[in-house]
Amino acid sequence: MVCLGLLASLQRTHSEKLQIIPMVVIGAGLTMAACGQWIY
C-alpha cells in the first residue's frame, strides 16, 4: 500500500496529493504492526 501510494502521488497534481496521505499512513501502520507481531 505504501508503494502504491507513492506511485499514485507521482501521477497526481498538488491538490490531489492530499488524498494519498491517508493511504500511505495506513499502509505504513499495517506494515509496522505486521513486523512487530512477527518479531514478538
PDB file of N, CA and C in Angstrom:
ATOM      1  N   MET A   1       0.820  -1.193   0.000  1.00  0.00           N
ATOM      2  CA  MET A   1       0.000   0.000   0.000  1.00  0.00           C
ATOM      3  C   MET A   1       0.863   1.256   0.000  1.00  0.00           C
ATOM      4  N   VAL A   2       1.962   1.190   0.721  1.00  0.00           N
ATOM      5  CA  VAL A   2       2.839   2.358   0.782  1.00  0.00           C
ATOM      6  C   VAL A   2       3.408   2.646  -0.599  1.00  0.00           C
ATOM      7  N   CYS A   3       3.878   1.608  -1.268  1.00  0.00           N
ATOM      8  CA  CYS A   3       4.442   1.792  -2.614  1.00  0.00           C
ATOM      9  C   CYS A   3       3.388   2.281  -3.595  1.00  0.00           C
ATOM     10  N   LEU A   4       2.184   1.741  -3.500  1.00  0.00           N
ATOM     11  CA  LEU A   4       1.104   2.194  -4.387  1.00  0.00           C
ATOM     12  C   LEU A   4       0.772   3.659  -4.132  1.00  0.00           C
ATOM     13  N   GLY A   5       0.772   4.055  -2.875  1.00  0.00           N
ATOM     14  CA  GLY A   5       0.502   5.449  -2.550  1.00  0.00           C
ATOM     15  C   GLY A   5       1.560   6.376  -3.092  1.00  0.00           C
ATOM     16  N   LEU A   6       2.808   5.973  -2.987  1.00  0.00           N
ATOM     17  CA  LEU A   6       3.895   6.802  -3.508  1.00  0.00           C
ATOM     18  C   LEU A   6       3.855   6.879  -5.029  1.00  0.00           C
ATOM     19  N   LEU A   7       3.565   5.768  -5.671  1.00  0.00           N
ATOM     20  CA  LEU A   7       3.450   5.779  -7.132  1.00  0.00           C
ATOM     21  C   LEU A   7       2.266   6.631  -7.588  1.00  0.00           C
ATOM     22  N   ALA A   8       1.165   6.543  -6.861  1.00  0.00           N
ATOM     23  CA  ALA A   8      -0.006   7.335  -7.222  1.00  0.00           C
ATOM     24  C   ALA A   8       0.256   8.820  -7.017  1.00  0.00           C
ATOM     25  N   SER A   9       1.051   9.170  -6.010  1.00  0.00           N
ATOM     26  CA  SER A   9       1.327  10.588  -5.767  1.00  0.00           C
ATOM     27  C   SER A   9       2.165  11.202  -6.880  1.00  0.00           C
ATOM     28  N   LEU A  10       2.946  10.393  -7.564  1.00  0.00           N
ATOM     29  CA  LEU A  10       3.741  10.906  -8.682  1.00  0.00           C
ATOM     30  C   LEU A  10       2.860  11.310  -9.864  1.00  0.00           C
ATOM     31  N   GLN A  11       1.702  10.689  -9.964  1.00  0.00           N
ATOM     32  CA  GLN A  11       0.817  10.932 -11.099  1.00  0.00           C
ATOM     33  C   GLN A  11      -0.271  11.960 -10.792  1.00  0.00           C
ATOM     34  N   ARG A  12      -0.330  12.464  -9.589  1.00  0.00           N
ATOM     35  CA  ARG A  12      -1.400  13.385  -9.195  1.00  0.00           C
ATOM     36  C   ARG A  12      -0.898  14.818  -9.157  1.00  0.00           C
ATOM     37  N   THR A  13      -1.840  15.739  -9.241  1.00  0.00           N
ATOM     38  CA  THR A  13      -1.500  17.150  -9.099  1.00  0.00           C
ATOM     39  C   THR A  13      -1.369  17.484  -7.618  1.00  0.00           C
ATOM     40  N   HIS A  14      -0.934  18.698  -7.320  1.00  0.00           N
ATOM     41  CA  HIS A  14      -0.661  19.082  -5.930  1.00  0.00           C
ATOM     42  C   HIS A  14      -1.902  18.973  -5.052  1.00  0.00           C
ATOM     43  N   SER A  15      -3.036  19.413  -5.525  1.00  0.00           N
ATOM     44  CA  SER A  15      -4.252  19.384  -4.703  1.00  0.00           C
ATOM     45  C   SER A  15      -4.742  17.958  -4.472  1.00  0.00           C
ATOM     46  N   GLU A  16      -4.475  17.054  -5.387  1.00  0.00           N
ATOM     47  CA  GLU A  16      -4.918  15.668  -5.247  1.00  0.00           C
ATOM     48  C   GLU A  16      -3.967  14.849  -4.389  1.00  0.00           C
ATOM     49  N   LYS A  17      -2.757  15.332  -4.165  1.00  0.00           N
ATOM     50  CA  LYS A  17      -1.791  14.576  -3.377  1.00  0.00           C
ATOM     51  C   LYS A  17      -2.222  14.441  -1.926  1.00  0.00           C
ATOM     52  N   LEU A  18      -3.053  15.355  -1.434  1.00  0.00           N
ATOM     53  CA  LEU A  18      -3.521  15.258  -0.055  1.00  0.00           C
ATOM     54  C   LEU A  18      -4.391  14.021   0.150  1.00  0.00           C
ATOM     55  N   GLN A  19      -5.012  13.527  -0.902  1.00  0.00           N
ATOM     56  CA  GLN A  19      -5.847  12.341  -0.798  1.00  0.00           C
ATOM     57  C   GLN A  19      -5.009  11.076  -0.641  1.00  0.00           C
ATOM     58  N   ILE A  20      -3.738  11.126  -0.986  1.00  0.00           N
ATOM     59  CA  ILE A  20      -2.868   9.960  -0.924  1.00  0.00           C
ATOM     60  C   ILE A  20      -2.335   9.743   0.492  1.00  0.00           C
ATOM     61  N   ILE A  21      -2.257  10.807   1.286  1.00  0.00           N
ATOM     62  CA  ILE A  21      -1.632  10.727   2.606  1.00  0.00           C
ATOM     63  C   ILE A  21      -2.271   9.660   3.499  1.00  0.00           C
ATOM     64  N   PRO A  22      -3.598   9.576   3.609  1.00  0.00           N
ATOM     65  CA  PRO A  22      -4.168   8.526   4.477  1.00  0.00           C
ATOM     66  C   PRO A  22      -3.782   7.114   4.043  1.00  0.00           C
ATOM     67  N   MET A  23      -3.731   6.857   2.751  1.00  0.00           N
ATOM     68  CA  MET A  23      -3.376   5.532   2.274  1.00  0.00           C
ATOM     69  C   MET A  23      -1.941   5.191   2.643  1.00  0.00           C
ATOM     70  N   VAL A  24      -1.040   6.151   2.525  1.00  0.00           N
ATOM     71  CA  VAL A  24       0.360   5.912   2.868  1.00  0.00           C
ATOM     72  C   VAL A  24       0.503   5.676   4.376  1.00  0.00           C
ATOM     73  N   VAL A  25      -0.195   6.474   5.180  1.00  0.00           N
ATOM     74  CA  VAL A  25      -0.108   6.334   6.635  1.00  0.00           C
ATOM     75  C   VAL A  25      -0.675   4.989   7.090  1.00  0.00           C
ATOM     76  N   ILE A  26      -1.824   4.597   6.539  1.00  0.00           N
ATOM     77  CA  ILE A  26      -2.426   3.310   6.910  1.00  0.00           C
ATOM     78  C   ILE A  26      -1.541   2.156   6.461  1.00  0.00           C
ATOM     79  N   GLY A  27      -0.997   2.246   5.270  1.00  0.00           N
ATOM     80  CA  GLY A  27      -0.101   1.195   4.785  1.00  0.00           C
ATOM     81  C   GLY A  27       1.143   1.060   5.641  1.00  0.00           C
ATOM     82  N   ALA A  28       1.716   2.199   6.044  1.00  0.00           N
ATOM     83  CA  ALA A  28       2.901   2.157   6.905  1.00  0.00           C
ATOM     84  C   ALA A  28       2.545   1.577   8.274  1.00  0.00           C
ATOM     85  N   GLY A  29       1.386   1.939   8.809  1.00  0.00           N
ATOM     86  CA  GLY A  29       0.958   1.402  10.098  1.00  0.00           C
ATOM     87  C   GLY A  29       0.738  -0.098  10.051  1.00  0.00           C
ATOM     88  N   LEU A  30       0.095  -0.569   8.995  1.00  0.00           N
ATOM     89  CA  LEU A  30      -0.117  -2.008   8.859  1.00  0.00           C
ATOM     90  C   LEU A  30       1.201  -2.760   8.711  1.00  0.00           C
ATOM     91  N   THR A  31       2.126  -2.172   7.968  1.00  0.00           N
ATOM     92  CA  THR A  31       3.431  -2.803   7.795  1.00  0.00           C
ATOM     93  C   THR A  31       4.181  -2.885   9.115  1.00  0.00           C
ATOM     94  N   MET A  32       4.171  -1.799   9.893  1.00  0.00           N
ATOM     95  CA  MET A  32       4.858  -1.797  11.190  1.00  0.00           C
ATOM     96  C   MET A  32       4.190  -2.762  12.159  1.00  0.00           C
ATOM     97  N   ALA A  33       2.864  -2.839  12.142  1.00  0.00           N
ATOM     98  CA  ALA A  33       2.161  -3.768  13.024  1.00  0.00           C
ATOM     99  C   ALA A  33       2.492  -5.212  12.673  1.00  0.00           C
ATOM    100  N   ALA A  34       2.548  -5.514  11.389  1.00  0.00           N
ATOM    101  CA  ALA A  34       2.879  -6.877  10.965  1.00  0.00           C
ATOM    102  C   ALA A  34       4.319  -7.229  11.348  1.00  0.00           C
ATOM    103  N   CYS A  35       5.227  -6.295  11.192  1.00  0.00           N
ATOM    104  CA  CYS A  35       6.620  -6.547  11.580  1.00  0.00           C
ATOM    105  C   CYS A  35       6.739  -6.709  13.085  1.00  0.00           C
ATOM    106  N   GLY A  36       5.987  -5.926  13.832  1.00  0.00           N
ATOM    107  CA  GLY A  36       6.005  -6.037  15.289  1.00  0.00           C
ATOM    108  C   GLY A  36       5.499  -7.381  15.760  1.00  0.00           C
ATOM    109  N   GLN A  37       4.458  -7.880  15.131  1.00  0.00           N
ATOM    110  CA  GLN A  37       3.928  -9.187  15.505  1.00  0.00           C
ATOM    111  C   GLN A  37       4.888 -10.298  15.103  1.00  0.00           C
ATOM    112  N   TRP A  38       5.555 -10.131  13.996  1.00  0.00           N
ATOM    113  CA  TRP A  38       6.479 -11.154  13.511  1.00  0.00           C
ATOM    114  C   TRP A  38       7.698 -11.253  14.431  1.00  0.00           C
ATOM    115  N   ILE A  39       8.182 -10.111  14.929  1.00  0.00           N
ATOM    116  CA  ILE A  39       9.356 -10.095  15.791  1.00  0.00           C
ATOM    117  C   ILE A  39       9.026 -10.716  17.148  1.00  0.00           C
ATOM    118  N   TYR A  40       7.866 -10.370  17.694  1.00  0.00           N
ATOM    119  CA  TYR A  40       7.493 -10.892  19.007  1.00  0.00           C
ATOM    120  C   TYR A  40       6.692 -12.132  18.823  1.00  0.00           C
TER     121      TYR A  40
END
